[in-house]
């Protein structure tokens, strides 16, 4: 028998993996081409948040981390005259 909260759907599992990938790509994007990497990672995080539905912490964390990484990556790129693309 399945108890409440045990049987997660496959879309929630995929959303978790997408969130993890988005976080990883966003953190890499801080140091290397922030626009090229972080903007698609943010889009993936938003898609994962829509797939999982309300009340999922990992997807919320992925969106927040991507937004923070975008801010930090752009700040570092402008301060060091690095490439944005």
Protein backbone atom coordinates (compact mmCIF):
# COMPACT_ATOMS: atom_id res chain seq x y z
CA UNK A 1 0.00 0.00 0.00
CA UNK A 2 1.12 3.50 -0.76
CA UNK A 3 0.97 5.97 2.05
CA UNK A 4 0.47 9.67 1.61
CA UNK A 5 3.55 11.30 0.05
CA UNK A 6 5.18 8.04 -1.09
CA UNK A 7 4.22 7.58 -4.72
CA UNK A 8 5.66 10.58 -6.51
CA UNK A 9 4.85 10.91 -10.15
CA UNK A 10 7.40 10.66 -12.90
CA UNK A 11 6.96 14.34 -13.76
CA UNK A 12 8.06 15.30 -10.25
CA UNK A 13 11.11 13.07 -10.55
CA UNK A 14 12.06 14.61 -13.89
CA UNK A 15 11.49 18.07 -12.41
CA UNK A 16 13.94 17.25 -9.63
CA UNK A 17 16.61 16.20 -12.10
CA UNK A 18 16.00 19.28 -14.23
CA UNK A 19 16.36 21.46 -11.14
CA UNK A 20 19.66 19.84 -10.25
CA UNK A 21 20.97 20.32 -13.79
CA UNK A 22 19.85 23.97 -13.78
CA UNK A 23 21.67 24.63 -10.50
CA UNK A 24 24.85 22.99 -11.80
CA UNK A 25 24.82 24.92 -15.09
CA UNK A 26 24.07 28.22 -13.33
CA UNK A 27 26.99 27.81 -10.95
CA UNK A 28 29.32 27.03 -13.87
CA UNK A 29 27.93 30.09 -15.66
CA UNK A 30 29.21 32.41 -12.94
CA UNK A 31 32.76 31.94 -14.16
CA UNK A 32 32.21 31.17 -17.85
CA UNK A 33 29.82 33.02 -20.22
CA UNK A 34 27.01 34.07 -17.88
CA UNK A 35 24.42 34.92 -20.53
CA UNK A 36 25.04 31.82 -22.61
CA UNK A 37 24.69 29.44 -19.66
CA UNK A 38 22.61 31.05 -16.93
CA UNK A 39 19.66 32.21 -19.03
CA UNK A 40 18.92 28.71 -20.38
CA UNK A 41 19.47 27.31 -16.88
CA UNK A 42 16.88 29.75 -15.56
CA UNK A 43 14.44 28.66 -18.25
CA UNK A 44 15.01 25.01 -17.30
CA UNK A 45 14.48 25.84 -13.62
CA UNK A 46 11.21 27.62 -14.43
CA UNK A 47 10.01 24.65 -16.51
CA UNK A 48 10.90 22.30 -13.65
CA UNK A 49 8.98 24.50 -11.20
CA UNK A 50 5.93 24.38 -13.47
CA UNK A 51 6.19 20.59 -13.81
CA UNK A 52 6.44 19.92 -10.09
CA UNK A 53 3.58 22.10 -8.97
CA UNK A 54 3.31 24.19 -5.82
CA UNK A 55 5.12 23.44 -2.60
CA UNK A 56 8.32 21.88 -3.95
CA UNK A 57 11.45 23.29 -2.36
CA UNK A 58 14.09 22.05 -4.79
CA UNK A 59 12.44 23.73 -7.74
CA UNK A 60 12.05 26.99 -5.83
CA UNK A 61 15.69 26.79 -4.77
CA UNK A 62 16.75 26.23 -8.39
CA UNK A 63 14.94 29.35 -9.58
CA UNK A 64 16.38 31.47 -6.76
CA UNK A 65 19.90 30.11 -7.25
CA UNK A 66 19.74 30.75 -11.00
CA UNK A 67 18.62 34.34 -10.42
CA UNK A 68 21.40 34.92 -7.88
CA UNK A 69 23.99 33.32 -10.18
CA UNK A 70 22.85 35.58 -13.03
CA UNK A 71 23.32 38.65 -10.87
CA UNK A 72 26.69 37.46 -9.58
CA UNK A 73 27.93 36.32 -13.00
CA UNK A 74 27.00 39.57 -14.68
CA UNK A 75 28.60 41.58 -11.88
CA UNK A 76 31.84 39.62 -12.14
CA UNK A 77 31.87 39.81 -15.95
CA UNK A 78 31.39 43.57 -15.97
CA UNK A 79 33.88 44.19 -13.15
CA UNK A 80 36.60 42.14 -14.81
CA UNK A 81 35.71 43.13 -18.40
CA UNK A 82 35.10 39.47 -19.18
CA UNK A 83 32.96 38.16 -21.98
CA UNK A 84 29.23 37.97 -21.50
CA UNK A 85 28.66 35.61 -24.42
